[in-house]
């Protein structure tokens, strides 16, 4: 059957479904493992033969993708009221996050596909600066959504949420002319944007706002009539690859979790090969966080936390001097390595 992005589903008798977000770093790019041509995450119903939810996740992932799982943790559980089983009961999602080392991402089944997670969330990639899509399209459309309500209090709360989620100063939002929301973009200058604070781990909050405003194809109210002068077809292409059901929301949850955790736990090492250069390590962290890091501060942080150790070998670089190879220190307690530490973001 042809699935819509929000309502259609294949009915069954079960009430619980397990969904897995499997993440890998490949060539310094953060990727997620998908099925059904990138429209779904590995998923399946929880069956009575599964002794635990994790057992169900591992079985479904390996059956659908032939991808073995290592580190695995539960993300969250929610009820999808748009999907019901044959008995009329709403479906419960139980989602999981799994980390896979780069060397384990080969020999997948033909239906499995690794996708750059910024294909689904282009506004989250700040590696080359602030994406134009935020200032030119998303924020103007969100401001139009905020101004559609009559109550001034509701308008103000929506504008405050936009500022907090998208790193835009509240003053720049208030001074904007609501009547020229589709054409007057000069107010959203780099200076105005920079006066706010972009919080990388607010991925889910940003996705939820776009969903609430009807600005993504998964939303039941899509397409809106305030898309900053862009046709629905072009707008859909701007807003990333849509997915069936709530699977893009599940990925947003996983990205939020990972970005928050790498601030205080070295989960990045679950995604690294056995040996690596410090540049490879930094580029991998940047791929996850979506922002550039200060090189020297990053290395001082590694040294102060005693996270890595030299192997005594060097990489066979094609150009320039060979770089020293390092490995993670397995004798260090993982739970408290980076407590109270922050990534040294580039200014």
Protein backbone atom coordinates (compact mmCIF):
# COMPACT_ATOMS: atom_id res chain seq x y z
CA UNK A 1 0.00 0.00 0.00
CA UNK A 2 1.05 3.60 -0.49
CA UNK A 3 1.82 5.24 2.82
CA UNK A 4 1.10 8.87 3.62
CA UNK A 5 3.51 10.69 5.88
CA UNK A 6 1.21 10.93 8.87
CA UNK A 7 -1.85 8.69 8.86
CA UNK A 8 -1.68 5.54 6.74
CA UNK A 9 -0.32 2.35 8.26
CA UNK A 10 -0.21 -1.39 7.86
CA UNK A 11 -2.61 -2.68 10.46
CA UNK A 12 -1.73 -5.55 12.75
CA UNK A 13 -2.94 -6.94 16.06
CA UNK A 14 -0.03 -5.67 18.16
CA UNK A 15 -0.02 -2.47 20.18
CA UNK A 16 3.74 -1.89 20.64
CA UNK A 17 6.37 -1.17 17.99
CA UNK A 18 10.12 -0.92 18.47
CA UNK A 19 12.07 1.58 16.34
CA UNK A 20 15.86 1.93 16.16
CA UNK A 21 18.03 4.91 15.25
CA UNK A 22 21.39 3.44 14.30
CA UNK A 23 24.16 6.03 13.97
CA UNK A 24 27.60 5.76 12.37
CA UNK A 25 30.34 8.19 11.38
CA UNK A 26 31.50 7.61 7.81
CA UNK A 27 34.07 9.91 6.22
CA UNK A 28 33.39 12.48 8.98
CA UNK A 29 29.67 12.44 8.18
CA UNK A 30 26.96 11.50 10.67
CA UNK A 31 24.66 8.90 9.14
CA UNK A 32 21.54 7.00 10.14
CA UNK A 33 20.55 3.56 8.93
CA UNK A 34 17.20 3.48 7.12
CA UNK A 35 14.98 1.07 5.22
CA UNK A 36 12.30 1.47 2.54
CA UNK A 37 14.42 3.84 0.42
CA UNK A 38 15.19 6.10 3.35
CA UNK A 39 11.55 6.63 4.38
CA UNK A 40 11.58 4.43 7.50
CA UNK A 41 13.86 3.43 10.35
CA UNK A 42 14.37 -0.27 11.15
CA UNK A 43 11.21 -1.20 13.03
CA UNK A 44 8.83 -4.00 13.91
CA UNK A 45 6.20 -5.11 16.39
CA UNK A 46 7.16 -6.34 19.82
CA UNK A 47 6.40 -10.07 19.78
CA UNK A 48 5.70 -12.42 22.73
CA UNK A 49 8.87 -14.35 21.89
CA UNK A 50 11.01 -11.32 22.79
CA UNK A 51 12.24 -11.51 26.36
CA UNK A 52 12.87 -7.76 26.44
CA UNK A 53 12.43 -4.63 24.35
CA UNK A 54 16.13 -4.61 23.54
CA UNK A 55 15.90 -8.17 22.29
CA UNK A 56 13.10 -7.09 19.97
CA UNK A 57 15.14 -4.17 18.67
CA UNK A 58 18.19 -6.32 18.00
CA UNK A 59 16.16 -8.93 16.16
CA UNK A 60 14.35 -6.47 13.92
CA UNK A 61 17.47 -4.49 13.08
CA UNK A 62 19.50 -7.57 12.21
CA UNK A 63 16.67 -9.11 10.17
CA UNK A 64 15.99 -5.95 8.19
CA UNK A 65 19.55 -4.72 7.72
CA UNK A 66 22.05 -7.45 8.70
CA UNK A 67 23.66 -4.77 10.87
CA UNK A 68 24.97 -6.05 14.23
CA UNK A 69 24.31 -3.78 17.19
CA UNK A 70 26.78 -2.68 19.84
CA UNK A 71 25.92 0.15 22.24
CA UNK A 72 22.15 0.50 22.63
CA UNK A 73 20.01 2.69 24.86
CA UNK A 74 16.30 3.48 25.02
CA UNK A 75 15.30 6.92 23.79
CA UNK A 76 11.65 7.47 24.66
CA UNK A 77 8.15 6.05 24.36
CA UNK A 78 5.08 7.79 22.99
CA UNK A 79 1.61 7.02 21.63
CA UNK A 80 0.97 7.61 17.93
CA UNK A 81 -2.75 8.44 17.87
CA UNK A 82 -2.70 8.52 14.06
CA UNK A 83 -1.92 4.81 13.85
CA UNK A 84 -4.18 2.09 15.24
CA UNK A 85 -4.16 -1.68 15.11
CA UNK A 86 -7.01 -3.83 13.83
CA UNK A 87 -8.60 -3.66 17.28
CA UNK A 88 -8.68 0.15 17.20
CA UNK A 89 -5.95 0.63 19.81
CA UNK A 90 -3.39 3.38 19.28
CA UNK A 91 0.15 2.24 18.56
CA UNK A 92 2.88 2.72 21.16
CA UNK A 93 6.39 3.52 19.88
CA UNK A 94 9.44 2.47 21.89
CA UNK A 95 12.53 3.98 20.29
CA UNK A 96 16.19 3.10 20.74
CA UNK A 97 19.53 4.67 19.89
CA UNK A 98 22.40 2.47 18.73
CA UNK A 99 26.02 3.39 17.95
CA UNK A 100 28.05 1.49 15.38
CA UNK A 101 31.72 1.81 14.54
CA UNK A 102 32.61 2.84 11.02
CA UNK A 103 34.19 -0.51 10.18
CA UNK A 104 30.91 -2.33 10.86
CA UNK A 105 28.77 -0.53 8.28
CA UNK A 106 29.35 -2.87 5.32
CA UNK A 107 27.44 -5.80 3.77
CA UNK A 108 23.97 -4.51 4.51
CA UNK A 109 20.82 -5.93 3.02
CA UNK A 110 19.71 -4.26 -0.21
CA UNK A 111 16.74 -2.55 1.48
CA UNK A 112 19.00 -0.91 4.10
CA UNK A 113 20.48 2.47 3.29
CA UNK A 114 22.80 4.76 5.22
CA UNK A 115 21.73 8.43 4.92
CA UNK A 116 23.43 11.63 6.02
CA UNK A 117 21.23 12.80 8.90
CA UNK A 118 21.44 16.37 7.59
CA UNK A 119 19.46 15.17 4.56
CA UNK A 120 16.54 15.04 7.00
CA UNK A 121 17.46 18.17 8.99
CA UNK A 122 19.32 20.62 6.69
CA UNK A 123 18.83 23.49 9.16
CA UNK A 124 20.89 21.64 11.79
CA UNK A 125 24.13 21.71 9.80
CA UNK A 126 26.14 24.80 10.85
CA UNK A 127 29.54 23.47 9.83
CA UNK A 128 29.79 26.07 7.07
CA UNK A 129 28.02 28.83 8.98
CA UNK A 130 24.35 29.65 9.49
CA UNK A 131 22.30 27.87 6.79
CA UNK A 132 20.46 30.29 4.52
CA UNK A 133 17.28 28.25 4.94
CA UNK A 134 16.90 29.48 8.53
CA UNK A 135 16.96 33.23 7.88
CA UNK A 136 15.47 33.22 4.40
CA UNK A 137 12.65 30.71 4.83
CA UNK A 138 12.08 29.05 8.20
CA UNK A 139 12.04 32.04 10.55
CA UNK A 140 9.86 34.19 8.24
CA UNK A 141 7.36 31.33 7.91
CA UNK A 142 7.36 30.74 11.67
CA UNK A 143 6.78 34.43 12.34
CA UNK A 144 3.82 34.35 9.95
CA UNK A 145 2.50 31.36 11.90
CA UNK A 146 2.97 33.26 15.17
CA UNK A 147 1.09 36.26 13.85
CA UNK A 148 -1.89 34.23 12.60
CA UNK A 149 -3.37 34.05 16.08
CA UNK A 150 -5.35 37.04 17.32
CA UNK A 151 -4.31 36.97 20.98
CA UNK A 152 -1.24 39.14 21.55
CA UNK A 153 -0.14 36.99 24.48
CA UNK A 154 -0.09 33.88 22.28
CA UNK A 155 1.77 35.77 19.56
CA UNK A 156 4.40 36.89 22.05
CA UNK A 157 4.88 33.38 23.44
CA UNK A 158 5.30 31.98 19.95
CA UNK A 159 7.86 34.64 19.05
CA UNK A 160 9.75 33.89 22.26
CA UNK A 161 9.78 30.20 21.39
CA UNK A 162 11.08 30.99 17.91
CA UNK A 163 13.89 33.06 19.40
CA UNK A 164 14.87 30.37 21.88
CA UNK A 165 14.73 27.49 19.40
CA UNK A 166 16.38 29.18 16.43
CA UNK A 167 18.90 31.46 18.13
CA UNK A 168 17.21 34.68 17.02
CA UNK A 169 17.05 37.71 19.30
CA UNK A 170 13.57 38.60 20.51
CA UNK A 171 14.04 42.26 19.56
CA UNK A 172 14.56 41.37 15.92
CA UNK A 173 11.35 39.33 15.97
CA UNK A 174 9.27 42.06 17.58
CA UNK A 175 10.41 44.80 15.21
CA UNK A 176 9.60 42.78 12.14
CA UNK A 177 6.54 43.93 10.17
CA UNK A 178 4.02 41.05 10.18
CA UNK A 179 2.40 42.31 6.98
CA UNK A 180 5.67 42.00 5.04
CA UNK A 181 6.57 38.58 6.38
CA UNK A 182 7.11 37.06 2.92
CA UNK A 183 9.33 39.79 1.48
CA UNK A 184 11.04 41.78 4.25
CA UNK A 185 14.06 39.64 5.07
CA UNK A 186 16.64 42.33 5.76
CA UNK A 187 15.77 42.40 9.47
CA UNK A 188 17.10 38.86 9.78
CA UNK A 189 20.73 39.87 9.38
CA UNK A 190 23.70 37.86 10.65
CA UNK A 191 24.05 40.39 13.47
CA UNK A 192 20.48 39.93 14.64
CA UNK A 193 20.78 36.16 14.43
CA UNK A 194 24.07 36.10 16.26
CA UNK A 195 22.67 38.08 19.19
CA UNK A 196 20.67 34.98 20.09
CA UNK A 197 22.19 31.62 21.04
CA UNK A 198 22.03 28.53 18.85
CA UNK A 199 21.69 25.51 21.16
CA UNK A 200 22.73 22.45 19.16
CA UNK A 201 20.85 19.92 21.29
CA UNK A 202 17.47 21.60 20.71
CA UNK A 203 16.93 19.50 17.58
CA UNK A 204 13.67 17.95 18.77
CA UNK A 205 12.27 21.31 19.91
CA UNK A 206 12.93 22.81 16.48
CA UNK A 207 11.37 19.84 14.71
CA UNK A 208 8.30 19.94 16.98
CA UNK A 209 7.83 23.64 16.22
CA UNK A 210 7.98 23.05 12.47
CA UNK A 211 5.45 20.24 12.90
CA UNK A 212 3.14 22.40 15.02
CA UNK A 213 3.32 25.20 12.44
CA UNK A 214 2.53 22.76 9.62
CA UNK A 215 5.79 23.52 7.81
CA UNK A 216 6.89 19.92 7.16
CA UNK A 217 5.10 17.25 5.08
CA UNK A 218 4.58 14.97 8.09
CA UNK A 219 2.31 17.55 9.75
CA UNK A 220 -1.46 16.98 9.27
CA UNK A 221 -1.94 20.72 8.48
CA UNK A 222 0.71 20.76 5.71
CA UNK A 223 0.98 22.67 3.42
CA UNK A 224 0.38 26.04 5.10
CA UNK A 225 -0.39 29.21 3.19
CA UNK A 226 2.47 31.21 4.70
CA UNK A 227 5.58 29.56 3.24
CA UNK A 228 7.53 32.76 2.59
CA UNK A 229 6.37 32.90 -1.05
CA UNK A 230 7.63 29.38 -1.93
CA UNK A 231 5.49 26.75 -3.66
CA UNK A 232 4.61 23.60 -1.62
CA UNK A 233 6.79 21.45 -3.90
CA UNK A 234 9.84 23.69 -3.55
CA UNK A 235 9.18 24.12 0.17
CA UNK A 236 9.13 20.35 0.70
CA UNK A 237 12.53 20.07 -1.00
CA UNK A 238 13.93 22.81 1.21
CA UNK A 239 12.70 21.19 4.42
CA UNK A 240 14.63 17.93 4.14
CA UNK A 241 13.64 14.37 3.32
CA UNK A 242 10.28 13.45 4.90
CA UNK A 243 9.65 10.04 6.47
CA UNK A 244 6.63 7.87 7.12
CA UNK A 245 4.87 7.95 10.47
CA UNK A 246 6.85 9.78 13.16
CA UNK A 247 10.23 8.36 12.22
CA UNK A 248 11.82 11.75 11.48
CA UNK A 249 10.77 12.85 14.97
CA UNK A 250 12.49 9.75 16.37
CA UNK A 251 15.73 10.72 14.57
CA UNK A 252 15.41 14.26 15.95
CA UNK A 253 15.16 12.77 19.43
CA UNK A 254 18.29 10.69 18.85
CA UNK A 255 20.29 13.66 17.57
CA UNK A 256 19.20 15.73 20.57
CA UNK A 257 20.27 12.95 22.92
CA UNK A 258 23.66 12.47 21.28
CA UNK A 259 24.44 16.18 21.08
CA UNK A 260 23.59 16.61 24.73
CA UNK A 261 25.57 13.56 25.88
CA UNK A 262 28.79 14.33 24.03
CA UNK A 263 29.00 17.41 26.25
CA UNK A 264 29.71 15.23 29.28
CA UNK A 265 30.20 11.61 28.15
CA UNK A 266 32.67 10.35 25.53
CA UNK A 267 30.08 8.48 23.47
CA UNK A 268 31.96 9.56 20.35
CA UNK A 269 34.40 6.73 20.97
CA UNK A 270 31.62 4.24 20.29
CA UNK A 271 31.61 5.59 16.73
CA UNK A 272 35.37 5.72 16.13
CA UNK A 273 37.66 3.04 14.67
CA UNK A 274 40.19 1.39 16.97
CA UNK A 275 42.89 3.93 16.08
CA UNK A 276 42.46 7.46 14.79
CA UNK A 277 44.12 10.85 14.50
CA UNK A 278 43.07 13.77 16.66
CA UNK A 279 41.85 15.55 13.53
CA UNK A 280 39.61 12.60 12.70
CA UNK A 281 38.25 12.63 16.24
CA UNK A 282 37.51 16.37 16.12
CA UNK A 283 35.84 16.11 12.70
CA UNK A 284 33.64 13.30 13.97
CA UNK A 285 32.54 15.32 17.01
CA UNK A 286 31.82 18.25 14.70
CA UNK A 287 29.74 16.01 12.44
CA UNK A 288 27.53 15.13 15.41
CA UNK A 289 27.28 18.60 16.93
CA UNK A 290 26.86 20.43 13.63
CA UNK A 291 29.28 23.20 14.68
CA UNK A 292 33.00 23.80 14.27
CA UNK A 293 35.23 23.39 17.32
CA UNK A 294 38.31 25.31 18.35
CA UNK A 295 41.24 23.02 17.51
CA UNK A 296 43.61 23.90 20.32
CA UNK A 297 40.91 24.06 22.98
CA UNK A 298 39.58 20.70 21.82
CA UNK A 299 43.01 19.12 22.19
CA UNK A 300 43.59 20.72 25.58
CA UNK A 301 40.28 19.23 26.68
CA UNK A 302 41.37 15.77 25.57
CA UNK A 303 44.66 16.14 27.42
CA UNK A 304 43.08 17.44 30.62
CA UNK A 305 40.58 14.59 30.68
CA UNK A 306 43.20 11.99 29.72
CA UNK A 307 40.85 10.43 27.20
CA UNK A 308 43.27 9.12 24.59
CA UNK A 309 46.70 7.57 24.43
CA UNK A 310 49.26 7.46 21.63
CA UNK A 311 49.79 4.17 19.81
CA UNK A 312 53.37 5.00 18.82
CA UNK A 313 52.38 4.84 15.15
CA UNK A 314 51.51 7.45 12.54
CA UNK A 315 49.03 7.62 9.71
CA UNK A 316 50.22 7.16 6.14
CA UNK A 317 49.21 10.61 4.95
CA UNK A 318 49.21 11.30 1.22
CA UNK A 319 50.18 14.92 1.79
CA UNK A 320 52.01 16.72 4.58
CA UNK A 321 53.44 15.19 7.71
CA UNK A 322 52.00 11.88 8.96
CA UNK A 323 49.74 12.40 11.96
CA UNK A 324 50.08 10.52 15.22
CA UNK A 325 47.56 7.74 15.82
CA UNK A 326 45.65 7.46 19.08
CA UNK A 327 43.26 5.08 20.74
CA UNK A 328 40.70 5.49 23.49
CA UNK A 329 41.87 4.71 27.03
CA UNK A 330 39.65 1.81 28.01
CA UNK A 331 40.79 1.91 31.63
CA UNK A 332 39.02 5.21 32.31
CA UNK A 333 35.57 5.30 33.87
CA UNK A 334 33.21 6.32 31.07
CA UNK A 335 30.44 7.66 33.23
CA UNK A 336 32.25 10.72 34.60
CA UNK A 337 34.99 11.67 32.13
CA UNK A 338 33.56 14.91 30.80
CA UNK A 339 31.31 16.05 33.62
CA UNK A 340 31.06 19.84 33.74
CA UNK A 341 32.99 20.11 30.45
CA UNK A 342 31.75 21.90 27.34
CA UNK A 343 32.81 21.53 23.75
CA UNK A 344 35.17 24.39 22.79
CA UNK A 345 33.08 25.93 20.01
CA UNK A 346 34.86 28.09 17.48
CA UNK A 347 34.20 31.82 17.82
